[in-house]
């Protein structure tokens, strides 16, 4: 979760402060998948939830997100 906070931290570029708002879908090994394809798919499901929630949102995968 520390890494997620660091993604949102402002940074300086050419003397100007830059702020970004990213949406992130997060899947954690091994709880959310044991293979790269599983983790990627589950992170993608979480990303769709994050985008639906609005800019600057970080969502951790939950099994109910995979139900279509």
PDB file of N, CA and C in Angstrom:
ATOM      1  N   UNK A   1       0.821  -1.205   0.000  1.00  0.00           N
ATOM      2  CA  UNK A   1       0.000   0.000   0.000  1.00  0.00           C
ATOM      3  C   UNK A   1       0.857   1.258   0.000  1.00  0.00           C
ATOM      4  N   UNK A   2       2.066   1.127   0.505  1.00  0.00           N
ATOM      5  CA  UNK A   2       2.986   2.261   0.472  1.00  0.00           C
ATOM      6  C   UNK A   2       3.295   2.626  -0.977  1.00  0.00           C
ATOM      7  N   UNK A   3       3.478   1.624  -1.824  1.00  0.00           N
ATOM      8  CA  UNK A   3       3.764   1.893  -3.240  1.00  0.00           C
ATOM      9  C   UNK A   3       2.617   2.635  -3.903  1.00  0.00           C
ATOM     10  N   UNK A   4       1.380   2.289  -3.539  1.00  0.00           N
ATOM     11  CA  UNK A   4       0.211   2.964  -4.106  1.00  0.00           C
ATOM     12  C   UNK A   4       0.239   4.440  -3.730  1.00  0.00           C
ATOM     13  N   UNK A   5       0.563   4.746  -2.480  1.00  0.00           N
ATOM     14  CA  UNK A   5       0.638   6.145  -2.042  1.00  0.00           C
ATOM     15  C   UNK A   5       1.739   6.890  -2.788  1.00  0.00           C
ATOM     16  N   UNK A   6       2.844   6.229  -3.036  1.00  0.00           N
ATOM     17  CA  UNK A   6       3.952   6.873  -3.745  1.00  0.00           C
ATOM     18  C   UNK A   6       3.587   7.217  -5.185  1.00  0.00           C
ATOM     19  N   UNK A   7       2.712   6.431  -5.804  1.00  0.00           N
ATOM     20  CA  UNK A   7       2.286   6.725  -7.174  1.00  0.00           C
ATOM     21  C   UNK A   7       1.516   8.037  -7.257  1.00  0.00           C
ATOM     22  N   UNK A   8       0.852   8.410  -6.171  1.00  0.00           N
ATOM     23  CA  UNK A   8       0.037   9.618  -6.161  1.00  0.00           C
ATOM     24  C   UNK A   8       0.786  10.845  -5.664  1.00  0.00           C
ATOM     25  N   UNK A   9       2.004  10.669  -5.214  1.00  0.00           N
ATOM     26  CA  UNK A   9       2.772  11.792  -4.666  1.00  0.00           C
ATOM     27  C   UNK A   9       3.163  12.765  -5.776  1.00  0.00           C
ATOM     28  N   UNK A  10       3.055  14.069  -5.502  1.00  0.00           N
ATOM     29  CA  UNK A  10       3.498  15.042  -6.503  1.00  0.00           C
ATOM     30  C   UNK A  10       5.007  14.957  -6.717  1.00  0.00           C
ATOM     31  N   UNK A  11       5.459  15.353  -7.902  1.00  0.00           N
ATOM     32  CA  UNK A  11       6.889  15.368  -8.189  1.00  0.00           C
ATOM     33  C   UNK A  11       7.219  16.639  -8.970  1.00  0.00           C
ATOM     34  N   UNK A  12       8.496  16.968  -9.030  1.00  0.00           N
ATOM     35  CA  UNK A  12       8.940  18.182  -9.704  1.00  0.00           C
ATOM     36  C   UNK A  12       9.580  17.825 -11.042  1.00  0.00           C
ATOM     37  N   UNK A  13       9.183  18.555 -12.079  1.00  0.00           N
ATOM     38  CA  UNK A  13       9.728  18.371 -13.418  1.00  0.00           C
ATOM     39  C   UNK A  13      10.000  19.753 -14.001  1.00  0.00           C
ATOM     40  N   UNK A  14      11.244  20.003 -14.333  1.00  0.00           N
ATOM     41  CA  UNK A  14      11.641  21.308 -14.874  1.00  0.00           C
ATOM     42  C   UNK A  14      11.182  22.460 -13.980  1.00  0.00           C
ATOM     43  N   UNK A  15      11.292  22.260 -12.668  1.00  0.00           N
ATOM     44  CA  UNK A  15      10.945  23.306 -11.717  1.00  0.00           C
ATOM     45  C   UNK A  15       9.463  23.481 -11.455  1.00  0.00           C
ATOM     46  N   UNK A  16       8.636  22.637 -12.025  1.00  0.00           N
ATOM     47  CA  UNK A  16       7.179  22.727 -11.830  1.00  0.00           C
ATOM     48  C   UNK A  16       6.685  21.506 -11.081  1.00  0.00           C
ATOM     49  N   UNK A  17       5.761  21.729 -10.151  1.00  0.00           N
ATOM     50  CA  UNK A  17       5.183  20.608  -9.413  1.00  0.00           C
ATOM     51  C   UNK A  17       4.114  19.936 -10.276  1.00  0.00           C
ATOM     52  N   UNK A  18       4.224  18.630 -10.413  1.00  0.00           N
ATOM     53  CA  UNK A  18       3.301  17.837 -11.216  1.00  0.00           C
ATOM     54  C   UNK A  18       2.519  16.916 -10.285  1.00  0.00           C
ATOM     55  N   UNK A  19       1.214  16.905 -10.469  1.00  0.00           N
ATOM     56  CA  UNK A  19       0.352  15.992  -9.710  1.00  0.00           C
ATOM     57  C   UNK A  19      -0.374  15.087 -10.705  1.00  0.00           C
ATOM     58  N   UNK A  20      -0.473  13.837 -10.360  1.00  0.00           N
ATOM     59  CA  UNK A  20      -1.173  12.891 -11.221  1.00  0.00           C
ATOM     60  C   UNK A  20      -2.295  12.227 -10.435  1.00  0.00           C
ATOM     61  N   UNK A  21      -3.273  11.730 -11.152  1.00  0.00           N
ATOM     62  CA  UNK A  21      -4.360  10.969 -10.540  1.00  0.00           C
ATOM     63  C   UNK A  21      -4.469   9.662 -11.315  1.00  0.00           C
ATOM     64  N   UNK A  22      -4.024   8.593 -10.712  1.00  0.00           N
ATOM     65  CA  UNK A  22      -4.070   7.296 -11.384  1.00  0.00           C
ATOM     66  C   UNK A  22      -5.114   6.409 -10.735  1.00  0.00           C
ATOM     67  N   UNK A  23      -5.711   5.573 -11.526  1.00  0.00           N
ATOM     68  CA  UNK A  23      -6.590   4.524 -11.022  1.00  0.00           C
ATOM     69  C   UNK A  23      -5.822   3.219 -11.147  1.00  0.00           C
ATOM     70  N   UNK A  24      -5.855   2.416 -10.094  1.00  0.00           N
ATOM     71  CA  UNK A  24      -5.072   1.184 -10.077  1.00  0.00           C
ATOM     72  C   UNK A  24      -5.924   0.003  -9.647  1.00  0.00           C
ATOM     73  N   UNK A  25      -5.765  -1.095 -10.359  1.00  0.00           N
ATOM     74  CA  UNK A  25      -6.344  -2.368  -9.963  1.00  0.00           C
ATOM     75  C   UNK A  25      -5.217  -3.248  -9.460  1.00  0.00           C
ATOM     76  N   UNK A  26      -5.385  -3.801  -8.273  1.00  0.00           N
ATOM     77  CA  UNK A  26      -4.288  -4.509  -7.621  1.00  0.00           C
ATOM     78  C   UNK A  26      -4.701  -5.938  -7.291  1.00  0.00           C
ATOM     79  N   UNK A  27      -3.861  -6.889  -7.683  1.00  0.00           N
ATOM     80  CA  UNK A  27      -4.019  -8.296  -7.317  1.00  0.00           C
ATOM     81  C   UNK A  27      -2.733  -8.717  -6.618  1.00  0.00           C
ATOM     82  N   UNK A  28      -2.873  -9.460  -5.531  1.00  0.00           N
ATOM     83  CA  UNK A  28      -1.734  -9.815  -4.684  1.00  0.00           C
ATOM     84  C   UNK A  28      -1.453 -11.314  -4.771  1.00  0.00           C
ATOM     85  N   UNK A  29      -0.196 -11.659  -5.022  1.00  0.00           N
ATOM     86  CA  UNK A  29       0.248 -13.058  -5.039  1.00  0.00           C
ATOM     87  C   UNK A  29       0.470 -13.516  -3.608  1.00  0.00           C
ATOM     88  N   UNK A  30       0.084 -14.699  -3.219  1.00  0.00           N
ATOM     89  CA  UNK A  30      -0.629 -15.734  -3.965  1.00  0.00           C
ATOM     90  C   UNK A  30      -2.133 -15.716  -3.722  1.00  0.00           C
ATOM     91  N   UNK A  31      -2.606 -14.783  -2.900  1.00  0.00           N
ATOM     92  CA  UNK A  31      -4.027 -14.782  -2.529  1.00  0.00           C
ATOM     93  C   UNK A  31      -4.962 -14.614  -3.718  1.00  0.00           C
ATOM     94  N   UNK A  32      -4.584 -13.788  -4.680  1.00  0.00           N
ATOM     95  CA  UNK A  32      -5.464 -13.480  -5.801  1.00  0.00           C
ATOM     96  C   UNK A  32      -5.125 -14.236  -7.073  1.00  0.00           C
ATOM     97  N   UNK A  33      -4.106 -15.055  -7.033  1.00  0.00           N
ATOM     98  CA  UNK A  33      -3.717 -15.859  -8.181  1.00  0.00           C
ATOM     99  C   UNK A  33      -2.307 -16.376  -8.006  1.00  0.00           C
ATOM    100  N   UNK A  34      -2.055 -17.536  -8.580  1.00  0.00           N
ATOM    101  CA  UNK A  34      -0.731 -18.152  -8.450  1.00  0.00           C
ATOM    102  C   UNK A  34       0.072 -18.105  -9.743  1.00  0.00           C
ATOM    103  N   UNK A  35      -0.562 -17.646 -10.816  1.00  0.00           N
ATOM    104  CA  UNK A  35       0.144 -17.520 -12.095  1.00  0.00           C
ATOM    105  C   UNK A  35       0.022 -16.085 -12.595  1.00  0.00           C
ATOM    106  N   UNK A  36       0.942 -15.725 -13.485  1.00  0.00           N
ATOM    107  CA  UNK A  36       0.909 -14.376 -14.051  1.00  0.00           C
ATOM    108  C   UNK A  36      -0.424 -14.090 -14.752  1.00  0.00           C
ATOM    109  N   UNK A  37      -0.935 -15.002 -15.604  1.00  0.00           N
ATOM    110  CA  UNK A  37      -2.215 -14.721 -16.265  1.00  0.00           C
ATOM    111  C   UNK A  37      -3.365 -14.517 -15.274  1.00  0.00           C
ATOM    112  N   UNK A  38      -3.404 -15.303 -14.196  1.00  0.00           N
ATOM    113  CA  UNK A  38      -4.459 -15.128 -13.189  1.00  0.00           C
ATOM    114  C   UNK A  38      -4.348 -13.765 -12.518  1.00  0.00           C
ATOM    115  N   UNK A  39      -3.138 -13.403 -12.113  1.00  0.00           N
ATOM    116  CA  UNK A  39      -2.940 -12.120 -11.437  1.00  0.00           C
ATOM    117  C   UNK A  39      -3.284 -10.954 -12.353  1.00  0.00           C
ATOM    118  N   UNK A  40      -2.879 -11.034 -13.608  1.00  0.00           N
ATOM    119  CA  UNK A  40      -3.175  -9.967 -14.560  1.00  0.00           C
ATOM    120  C   UNK A  40      -4.683  -9.830 -14.774  1.00  0.00           C
ATOM    121  N   UNK A  41      -5.366 -10.938 -14.936  1.00  0.00           N
ATOM    122  CA  UNK A  41      -6.815 -10.921 -15.133  1.00  0.00           C
ATOM    123  C   UNK A  41      -7.521 -10.328 -13.921  1.00  0.00           C
ATOM    124  N   UNK A  42      -7.102 -10.721 -12.729  1.00  0.00           N
ATOM    125  CA  UNK A  42      -7.744 -10.225 -11.516  1.00  0.00           C
ATOM    126  C   UNK A  42      -7.418  -8.751 -11.274  1.00  0.00           C
ATOM    127  N   UNK A  43      -6.208  -8.336 -11.585  1.00  0.00           N
ATOM    128  CA  UNK A  43      -5.865  -6.914 -11.481  1.00  0.00           C
ATOM    129  C   UNK A  43      -6.700  -6.100 -12.467  1.00  0.00           C
ATOM    130  N   UNK A  44      -6.960  -6.652 -13.642  1.00  0.00           N
ATOM    131  CA  UNK A  44      -7.782  -5.975 -14.636  1.00  0.00           C
ATOM    132  C   UNK A  44      -9.218  -5.810 -14.140  1.00  0.00           C
ATOM    133  N   UNK A  45      -9.766  -6.856 -13.505  1.00  0.00           N
ATOM    134  CA  UNK A  45     -11.114  -6.749 -12.919  1.00  0.00           C
ATOM    135  C   UNK A  45     -11.147  -5.632 -11.873  1.00  0.00           C
ATOM    136  N   UNK A  46     -10.120  -5.576 -11.027  1.00  0.00           N
ATOM    137  CA  UNK A  46     -10.049  -4.533 -10.000  1.00  0.00           C
ATOM    138  C   UNK A  46      -9.896  -3.154 -10.639  1.00  0.00           C
ATOM    139  N   UNK A  47      -9.153  -3.071 -11.741  1.00  0.00           N
ATOM    140  CA  UNK A  47      -8.967  -1.792 -12.424  1.00  0.00           C
ATOM    141  C   UNK A  47     -10.294  -1.250 -12.944  1.00  0.00           C
ATOM    142  N   UNK A  48     -11.139  -2.106 -13.497  1.00  0.00           N
ATOM    143  CA  UNK A  48     -12.444  -1.647 -13.964  1.00  0.00           C
ATOM    144  C   UNK A  48     -13.259  -1.071 -12.814  1.00  0.00           C
ATOM    145  N   UNK A  49     -13.184  -1.707 -11.645  1.00  0.00           N
ATOM    146  CA  UNK A  49     -13.873  -1.181 -10.457  1.00  0.00           C
ATOM    147  C   UNK A  49     -13.298   0.175 -10.062  1.00  0.00           C
ATOM    148  N   UNK A  50     -11.990   0.298 -10.115  1.00  0.00           N
ATOM    149  CA  UNK A  50     -11.340   1.563  -9.754  1.00  0.00           C
ATOM    150  C   UNK A  50     -11.760   2.675 -10.710  1.00  0.00           C
ATOM    151  N   UNK A  51     -11.796   2.381 -12.000  1.00  0.00           N
ATOM    152  CA  UNK A  51     -12.192   3.394 -12.981  1.00  0.00           C
ATOM    153  C   UNK A  51     -13.642   3.814 -12.784  1.00  0.00           C
ATOM    154  N   UNK A  52     -14.505   2.856 -12.446  1.00  0.00           N
ATOM    155  CA  UNK A  52     -15.907   3.182 -12.177  1.00  0.00           C
ATOM    156  C   UNK A  52     -16.050   4.086 -10.960  1.00  0.00           C
ATOM    157  N   UNK A  53     -15.139   3.940  -9.993  1.00  0.00           N
ATOM    158  CA  UNK A  53     -15.202   4.722  -8.752  1.00  0.00           C
ATOM    159  C   UNK A  53     -14.676   6.144  -8.933  1.00  0.00           C
ATOM    160  N   UNK A  54     -13.924   6.399  -9.988  1.00  0.00           N
ATOM    161  CA  UNK A  54     -13.420   7.747 -10.241  1.00  0.00           C
ATOM    162  C   UNK A  54     -11.912   7.829 -10.211  1.00  0.00           C
ATOM    163  N   UNK A  55     -11.404   8.980 -10.622  1.00  0.00           N
ATOM    164  CA  UNK A  55      -9.958   9.191 -10.723  1.00  0.00           C
ATOM    165  C   UNK A  55      -9.289   9.069  -9.360  1.00  0.00           C
ATOM    166  N   UNK A  56      -8.060   8.600  -9.405  1.00  0.00           N
ATOM    167  CA  UNK A  56      -7.259   8.526  -8.188  1.00  0.00           C
ATOM    168  C   UNK A  56      -7.684   7.428  -7.234  1.00  0.00           C
ATOM    169  N   UNK A  57      -8.340   6.396  -7.756  1.00  0.00           N
ATOM    170  CA  UNK A  57      -8.850   5.320  -6.908  1.00  0.00           C
ATOM    171  C   UNK A  57      -7.992   4.073  -7.060  1.00  0.00           C
ATOM    172  N   UNK A  58      -7.770   3.396  -5.959  1.00  0.00           N
ATOM    173  CA  UNK A  58      -6.988   2.165  -5.937  1.00  0.00           C
ATOM    174  C   UNK A  58      -7.876   1.068  -5.363  1.00  0.00           C
ATOM    175  N   UNK A  59      -8.068  -0.008  -6.123  1.00  0.00           N
ATOM    176  CA  UNK A  59      -8.946  -1.095  -5.703  1.00  0.00           C
ATOM    177  C   UNK A  59      -8.170  -2.401  -5.686  1.00  0.00           C
ATOM    178  N   UNK A  60      -8.265  -3.109  -4.569  1.00  0.00           N
ATOM    179  CA  UNK A  60      -7.685  -4.436  -4.456  1.00  0.00           C
ATOM    180  C   UNK A  60      -8.721  -5.448  -4.930  1.00  0.00           C
ATOM    181  N   UNK A  61      -8.270  -6.468  -5.639  1.00  0.00           N
ATOM    182  CA  UNK A  61      -9.155  -7.495  -6.177  1.00  0.00           C
ATOM    183  C   UNK A  61      -9.939  -8.186  -5.069  1.00  0.00           C
ATOM    184  N   UNK A  62     -11.190  -8.501  -5.367  1.00  0.00           N
ATOM    185  CA  UNK A  62     -12.040  -9.331  -4.518  1.00  0.00           C
ATOM    186  C   UNK A  62     -12.697 -10.364  -5.428  1.00  0.00           C
ATOM    187  N   UNK A  63     -12.895 -11.592  -4.943  1.00  0.00           N
ATOM    188  CA  UNK A  63     -13.432 -12.653  -5.808  1.00  0.00           C
ATOM    189  C   UNK A  63     -14.736 -12.286  -6.515  1.00  0.00           C
ATOM    190  N   UNK A  64     -15.586 -11.500  -5.879  1.00  0.00           N
ATOM    191  CA  UNK A  64     -16.859 -11.148  -6.517  1.00  0.00           C
ATOM    192  C   UNK A  64     -16.678 -10.261  -7.746  1.00  0.00           C
ATOM    193  N   UNK A  65     -15.506  -9.648  -7.933  1.00  0.00           N
ATOM    194  CA  UNK A  65     -15.255  -8.824  -9.114  1.00  0.00           C
ATOM    195  C   UNK A  65     -15.115  -9.673 -10.373  1.00  0.00           C
ATOM    196  N   UNK A  66     -14.785 -10.941 -10.220  1.00  0.00           N
ATOM    197  CA  UNK A  66     -14.569 -11.821 -11.368  1.00  0.00           C
ATOM    198  C   UNK A  66     -15.869 -12.388 -11.919  1.00  0.00           C
ATOM    199  N   UNK A  67     -16.968 -12.196 -11.222  1.00  0.00           N
ATOM    200  CA  UNK A  67     -18.264 -12.712 -11.671  1.00  0.00           C
ATOM    201  C   UNK A  67     -18.809 -11.775 -12.735  1.00  0.00           C
ATOM    202  N   UNK A  68     -19.159 -12.336 -13.886  1.00  0.00           N
ATOM    203  CA  UNK A  68     -19.676 -11.500 -14.974  1.00  0.00           C
ATOM    204  C   UNK A  68     -21.161 -11.666 -15.127  1.00  0.00           C
TER     205      UNK A  68
END
